[in-house]
Amino acid sequence: MDSLTIAGRTFRSRLMVGTGKYQTFTEMRDAIEASGAQIVTVAVRRVNLDEREESLLSYIDLDKYFLLPNTAGCHTAEEAVRTARLARAAGLSNWVKLEVIPDDGTLLPDPVATVEAAEILVKEGFVVLPYTTDDHTVALRLLDVGCATVMPFGSAIGTGQGLPNPERLRRIVELVQGRVPVVIDAGIGAPSDASLAMELGADAVLVNTAIAKAAQPVQMARAMALGVEAGRLCYLSGRIPRTEVASPSSPEAGLIAAGSTPATTKS
């Protein structure tokens, strides 16, 4: 499959995975391996930055995977900016998956605060990958302030509802693609959802809950990788248009007329 480039850095996988909600760190490690992902997100607030032994980070091979700190748990722009700065100061990365979610009930991002935080962080030299709504006007604003990607949700975090509004995502892809990658983040519940996201023209997907909470997380991680690959190949191949009328699969030219007798070959 063709490669993904973000902020000048190239990745062979178009699947990104999270690290939360697994029953054990060992299960998390094995699922990441099975996914084939190279970008792995981790909530800064879940990491003990002073003592990394036997912590989440001790189960992630940082020579093999690209660590993407995220600001999960931040309710305001100020909290998100402070958390990103902390992660960079601790040596994690100057890349950040920006999340500003004021309501723990809905887990929906605050578009205004997200743009505000993104603008500050970009000016401070961060590579910002913002989690946002499926509103194309917000996506364009994030692009304007210098974000390295746009990451609209498929549906609310952890719901597994898939992509109930694909046309909204398609609109973002049409407006943004070619300028920065579009990554569908949140709501994906099955490989078919990941495939649909890629068929719409998204450049990548980020999956956490659907893998971590599956009955067999390692198998599901592999299934997600295959879904992403199938969807990307479909997009590149160019699917047929939907039509209102049926069309025969066999060509009509050269058909034997009804009632005629096929010619026989003389021996």
Protein backbone atom coordinates (compact mmCIF):
# COMPACT_ATOMS: atom_id res chain seq x y z
CA MET A 1 0.00 0.00 0.00
CA ASP A 2 1.22 3.54 -0.70
CA SER A 3 2.78 5.49 2.13
CA LEU A 4 1.37 8.22 4.37
CA THR A 5 3.29 11.47 4.86
CA ILE A 6 2.65 13.86 7.75
CA ALA A 7 4.77 16.98 8.27
CA GLY A 8 7.48 15.56 6.06
CA ARG A 9 7.65 12.22 7.87
CA THR A 10 6.63 9.09 5.97
CA PHE A 11 4.83 6.04 7.38
CA ARG A 12 4.03 2.82 5.57
CA SER A 13 0.84 2.14 7.59
CA ARG A 14 -2.32 4.22 7.35
CA LEU A 15 -3.68 2.79 10.59
CA MET A 16 -2.93 4.61 13.85
CA VAL A 17 -3.77 2.95 17.16
CA GLY A 18 -4.35 4.05 20.73
CA THR A 19 -3.13 2.52 23.98
CA GLY A 20 -6.08 2.91 26.34
CA LYS A 21 -8.70 0.47 27.65
CA TYR A 22 -6.68 -2.75 27.29
CA GLN A 23 -6.91 -5.30 30.08
CA THR A 24 -3.12 -5.62 30.30
CA PHE A 25 -0.05 -3.92 28.89
CA THR A 26 0.96 -7.23 27.31
CA GLU A 27 -2.33 -7.40 25.41
CA MET A 28 -1.80 -3.82 24.28
CA ARG A 29 1.71 -4.61 23.04
CA ASP A 30 0.55 -7.68 21.10
CA ALA A 31 -2.37 -5.80 19.52
CA ILE A 32 -0.13 -2.95 18.39
CA GLU A 33 2.19 -5.48 16.79
CA ALA A 34 -0.70 -7.22 15.01
CA SER A 35 -2.08 -3.93 13.71
CA GLY A 36 1.02 -3.12 11.71
CA ALA A 37 0.62 0.49 12.83
CA GLN A 38 3.63 2.73 13.23
CA ILE A 39 1.96 5.70 14.95
CA VAL A 40 0.85 4.92 18.49
CA THR A 41 -0.99 7.49 20.60
CA VAL A 42 -0.67 7.75 24.35
CA ALA A 43 -2.43 10.07 26.77
CA VAL A 44 0.18 12.23 28.48
CA ARG A 45 -1.84 12.14 31.69
CA ARG A 46 -1.60 8.32 31.79
CA VAL A 47 2.19 8.30 31.66
CA ASN A 48 4.43 8.59 34.69
CA LEU A 49 7.04 10.86 33.19
CA ASP A 50 9.40 10.43 36.13
CA GLU A 51 9.41 6.63 36.39
CA ARG A 52 8.98 4.71 33.14
CA GLU A 53 9.87 1.25 34.41
CA GLU A 54 6.88 -1.10 34.23
CA SER A 55 4.74 1.72 32.90
CA LEU A 56 2.83 1.91 29.65
CA LEU A 57 5.90 3.21 27.84
CA SER A 58 7.99 0.22 28.87
CA TYR A 59 5.76 -1.94 26.65
CA ILE A 60 6.18 0.21 23.55
CA ASP A 61 9.36 -0.17 21.51
CA LEU A 62 10.21 3.45 20.77
CA ASP A 63 12.73 2.37 18.15
CA LYS A 64 9.94 0.66 16.24
CA TYR A 65 6.91 2.87 16.86
CA PHE A 66 6.39 6.61 16.56
CA LEU A 67 4.91 7.88 19.81
CA LEU A 68 2.18 10.50 19.46
CA PRO A 69 1.33 12.11 22.83
CA ASN A 70 -2.26 13.28 23.15
CA THR A 71 -3.96 15.75 25.44
CA ALA A 72 -6.85 13.48 26.40
CA GLY A 73 -8.54 14.61 29.59
CA CYS A 74 -8.00 18.31 28.93
CA HIS A 75 -11.17 20.40 29.22
CA THR A 76 -9.80 23.78 28.11
CA ALA A 77 -7.36 25.19 25.61
CA GLU A 78 -5.09 26.24 28.46
CA GLU A 79 -4.96 22.71 29.89
CA ALA A 80 -4.20 21.22 26.48
CA VAL A 81 -1.38 23.66 25.78
CA ARG A 82 0.14 23.05 29.20
CA THR A 83 -0.04 19.27 28.73
CA ALA A 84 1.61 19.43 25.31
CA ARG A 85 4.41 21.56 26.72
CA LEU A 86 4.90 19.08 29.55
CA ALA A 87 5.17 16.16 27.12
CA ARG A 88 7.76 17.97 25.02
CA ALA A 89 9.77 19.04 28.06
CA ALA A 90 9.81 15.40 29.23
CA GLY A 91 11.30 14.35 25.90
CA LEU A 92 8.24 12.53 24.51
CA SER A 93 7.77 14.48 21.29
CA ASN A 94 7.09 17.87 19.74
CA TRP A 95 4.19 16.18 17.93
CA VAL A 96 0.86 16.25 19.70
CA LYS A 97 -2.60 14.89 19.07
CA LEU A 98 -4.65 17.80 20.32
CA GLU A 99 -7.85 17.04 22.20
CA VAL A 100 -9.96 19.63 24.01
CA ILE A 101 -13.08 17.95 25.37
CA PRO A 102 -15.04 19.97 27.95
CA ASP A 103 -17.90 17.49 28.49
CA ASP A 104 -16.95 14.07 29.86
CA GLY A 105 -20.47 12.85 29.13
CA THR A 106 -20.51 13.37 25.37
CA LEU A 107 -16.72 13.45 24.77
CA LEU A 108 -17.32 15.84 21.89
CA PRO A 109 -14.48 18.25 21.05
CA ASP A 110 -14.76 21.99 21.59
CA PRO A 111 -14.06 23.45 18.13
CA VAL A 112 -13.35 27.00 19.35
CA ALA A 113 -10.96 25.92 22.09
CA THR A 114 -9.31 23.41 19.76
CA VAL A 115 -8.53 26.11 17.18
CA GLU A 116 -7.29 28.41 19.96
CA ALA A 117 -4.94 25.79 21.38
CA ALA A 118 -3.77 24.69 17.94
CA GLU A 119 -2.79 28.22 16.99
CA ILE A 120 -0.70 28.62 20.15
CA LEU A 121 1.03 25.26 19.77
CA VAL A 122 1.83 25.70 16.08
CA LYS A 123 3.47 29.05 16.86
CA GLU A 124 5.55 27.29 19.53
CA GLY A 125 6.88 24.77 17.01
CA PHE A 126 4.60 21.81 17.70
CA VAL A 127 3.39 19.48 14.96
CA VAL A 128 -0.32 19.54 15.76
CA LEU A 129 -2.79 16.78 14.83
CA PRO A 130 -6.16 18.07 16.07
CA TYR A 131 -9.18 15.94 16.96
CA THR A 132 -12.26 17.84 15.83
CA THR A 133 -15.87 17.61 14.70
CA ASP A 134 -17.04 16.71 11.19
CA ASP A 135 -17.72 20.39 10.43
CA HIS A 136 -15.73 21.39 7.34
CA THR A 137 -15.54 25.05 8.42
CA VAL A 138 -13.65 24.02 11.56
CA ALA A 139 -11.40 21.77 9.50
CA LEU A 140 -10.50 24.69 7.25
CA ARG A 141 -9.81 26.93 10.23
CA LEU A 142 -7.44 24.32 11.69
CA LEU A 143 -5.73 24.12 8.33
CA ASP A 144 -5.36 27.91 8.27
CA VAL A 145 -3.59 28.01 11.64
CA GLY A 146 -1.02 25.47 10.43
CA CYS A 147 -2.09 22.04 11.70
CA ALA A 148 -0.31 19.05 10.18
CA THR A 149 -3.51 17.04 9.78
CA VAL A 150 -7.23 17.37 10.29
CA MET A 151 -8.80 14.61 12.40
CA PRO A 152 -12.62 14.70 12.29
CA PHE A 153 -14.59 12.14 14.24
CA GLY A 154 -16.57 9.40 12.55
CA SER A 155 -18.88 9.40 15.57
CA ALA A 156 -18.47 9.97 19.31
CA ILE A 157 -15.49 8.41 21.08
CA GLY A 158 -15.99 4.82 22.13
CA THR A 159 -19.48 4.44 20.66
CA GLY A 160 -18.58 2.13 17.78
CA GLN A 161 -21.33 3.78 15.73
CA GLY A 162 -19.14 3.97 12.66
CA LEU A 163 -19.66 6.76 10.13
CA PRO A 164 -23.33 7.82 10.26
CA ASN A 165 -22.61 11.03 8.31
CA PRO A 166 -20.21 10.00 5.53
CA GLU A 167 -21.07 12.95 3.30
CA ARG A 168 -19.82 15.40 5.93
CA LEU A 169 -16.51 13.54 6.03
CA ARG A 170 -16.37 13.39 2.25
CA ARG A 171 -16.77 17.18 2.15
CA ILE A 172 -13.80 17.63 4.47
CA VAL A 173 -11.73 15.30 2.31
CA GLU A 174 -12.64 17.27 -0.82
CA LEU A 175 -11.65 20.59 0.76
CA VAL A 176 -8.54 19.54 2.66
CA GLN A 177 -6.97 16.62 0.84
CA GLY A 178 -3.76 17.43 -0.97
CA ARG A 179 -2.93 20.12 1.60
CA VAL A 180 -2.72 17.99 4.76
CA PRO A 181 -3.82 14.41 5.48
CA VAL A 182 -7.34 13.73 6.74
CA VAL A 183 -7.47 11.17 9.55
CA ILE A 184 -10.82 9.78 10.71
CA ASP A 185 -10.58 9.54 14.47
CA ALA A 186 -13.15 8.04 16.88
CA GLY A 187 -16.34 6.04 16.51
CA ILE A 188 -14.98 3.25 14.33
CA GLY A 189 -16.40 -0.05 15.55
CA ALA A 190 -15.50 -2.61 12.90
CA PRO A 191 -13.09 -3.10 9.99
CA SER A 192 -15.93 -2.22 7.61
CA ASP A 193 -16.07 1.25 9.20
CA ALA A 194 -12.33 1.69 8.72
CA SER A 195 -12.67 0.54 5.13
CA LEU A 196 -15.50 3.01 4.46
CA ALA A 197 -13.43 5.85 5.89
CA MET A 198 -10.63 5.02 3.49
CA GLU A 199 -13.06 4.57 0.56
CA LEU A 200 -14.25 8.13 1.19
CA GLY A 201 -10.71 9.30 0.56
CA ALA A 202 -9.42 9.68 4.11
CA ASP A 203 -5.66 9.33 4.36
CA ALA A 204 -5.69 7.31 7.58
CA VAL A 205 -7.81 6.21 10.53
CA LEU A 206 -7.12 6.11 14.26
CA VAL A 207 -8.66 3.24 16.23
CA ASN A 208 -8.54 2.45 19.93
CA THR A 209 -11.71 1.22 21.63
CA ALA A 210 -12.81 -1.08 18.81
CA ILE A 211 -9.55 -2.98 19.17
CA ALA A 212 -8.95 -2.76 22.91
CA LYS A 213 -12.47 -3.79 23.94
CA ALA A 214 -12.96 -6.52 21.32
CA ALA A 215 -13.32 -10.08 22.59
CA GLN A 216 -10.03 -10.86 20.84
CA PRO A 217 -8.08 -7.57 20.60
CA VAL A 218 -5.08 -9.00 18.77
CA GLN A 219 -7.25 -10.54 16.04
CA MET A 220 -9.30 -7.36 15.77
CA ALA A 221 -6.12 -5.31 15.36
CA ARG A 222 -5.19 -7.43 12.37
CA ALA A 223 -8.73 -7.16 11.00
CA MET A 224 -8.57 -3.35 11.23
CA ALA A 225 -5.31 -3.34 9.31
CA LEU A 226 -6.91 -5.37 6.54
CA GLY A 227 -9.96 -3.09 6.50
CA VAL A 228 -7.77 -0.02 6.07
CA GLU A 229 -5.80 -1.68 3.30
CA ALA A 230 -8.94 -2.79 1.45
CA GLY A 231 -10.53 0.65 1.72
CA ARG A 232 -7.42 2.41 0.47
CA LEU A 233 -7.08 0.07 -2.51
CA CYS A 234 -10.75 0.59 -3.31
CA TYR A 235 -10.31 4.36 -3.27
CA LEU A 236 -7.25 4.22 -5.49
CA SER A 237 -8.97 1.79 -7.88
CA GLY A 238 -12.05 3.97 -8.37
CA ARG A 239 -15.31 2.26 -7.46
CA ILE A 240 -18.19 2.18 -9.92
CA PRO A 241 -20.87 4.86 -9.53
CA ARG A 242 -24.20 4.01 -7.94
CA THR A 243 -27.07 3.94 -10.43
CA GLU A 244 -30.84 3.71 -10.24
CA VAL A 245 -31.13 1.00 -12.88
CA ALA A 246 -29.59 -2.43 -13.27
CA SER A 247 -26.88 -3.09 -15.82
CA PRO A 248 -26.04 -6.55 -17.21
CA SER A 249 -22.65 -7.95 -16.29
CA SER A 250 -22.21 -9.74 -19.63
CA PRO A 251 -21.60 -7.72 -22.82
CA GLU A 252 -24.56 -7.58 -25.20
CA ALA A 253 -22.46 -7.57 -28.36
CA GLY A 254 -22.25 -10.95 -30.02
CA LEU A 255 -25.19 -12.49 -28.20
CA ILE A 256 -26.99 -15.28 -30.07
CA ALA A 257 -30.45 -14.11 -31.12
CA ALA A 258 -33.34 -15.76 -29.35
CA GLY A 259 -34.76 -18.70 -31.33
CA SER A 260 -31.74 -19.11 -33.59
CA THR A 261 -29.85 -22.35 -33.94
CA PRO A 262 -26.15 -22.24 -33.17
CA ALA A 263 -23.95 -23.09 -36.13
CA THR A 264 -22.36 -26.49 -36.04
CA THR A 265 -18.91 -27.40 -37.18
CA LYS A 266 -18.67 -30.02 -39.94
CA SER A 267 -16.37 -32.94 -39.23
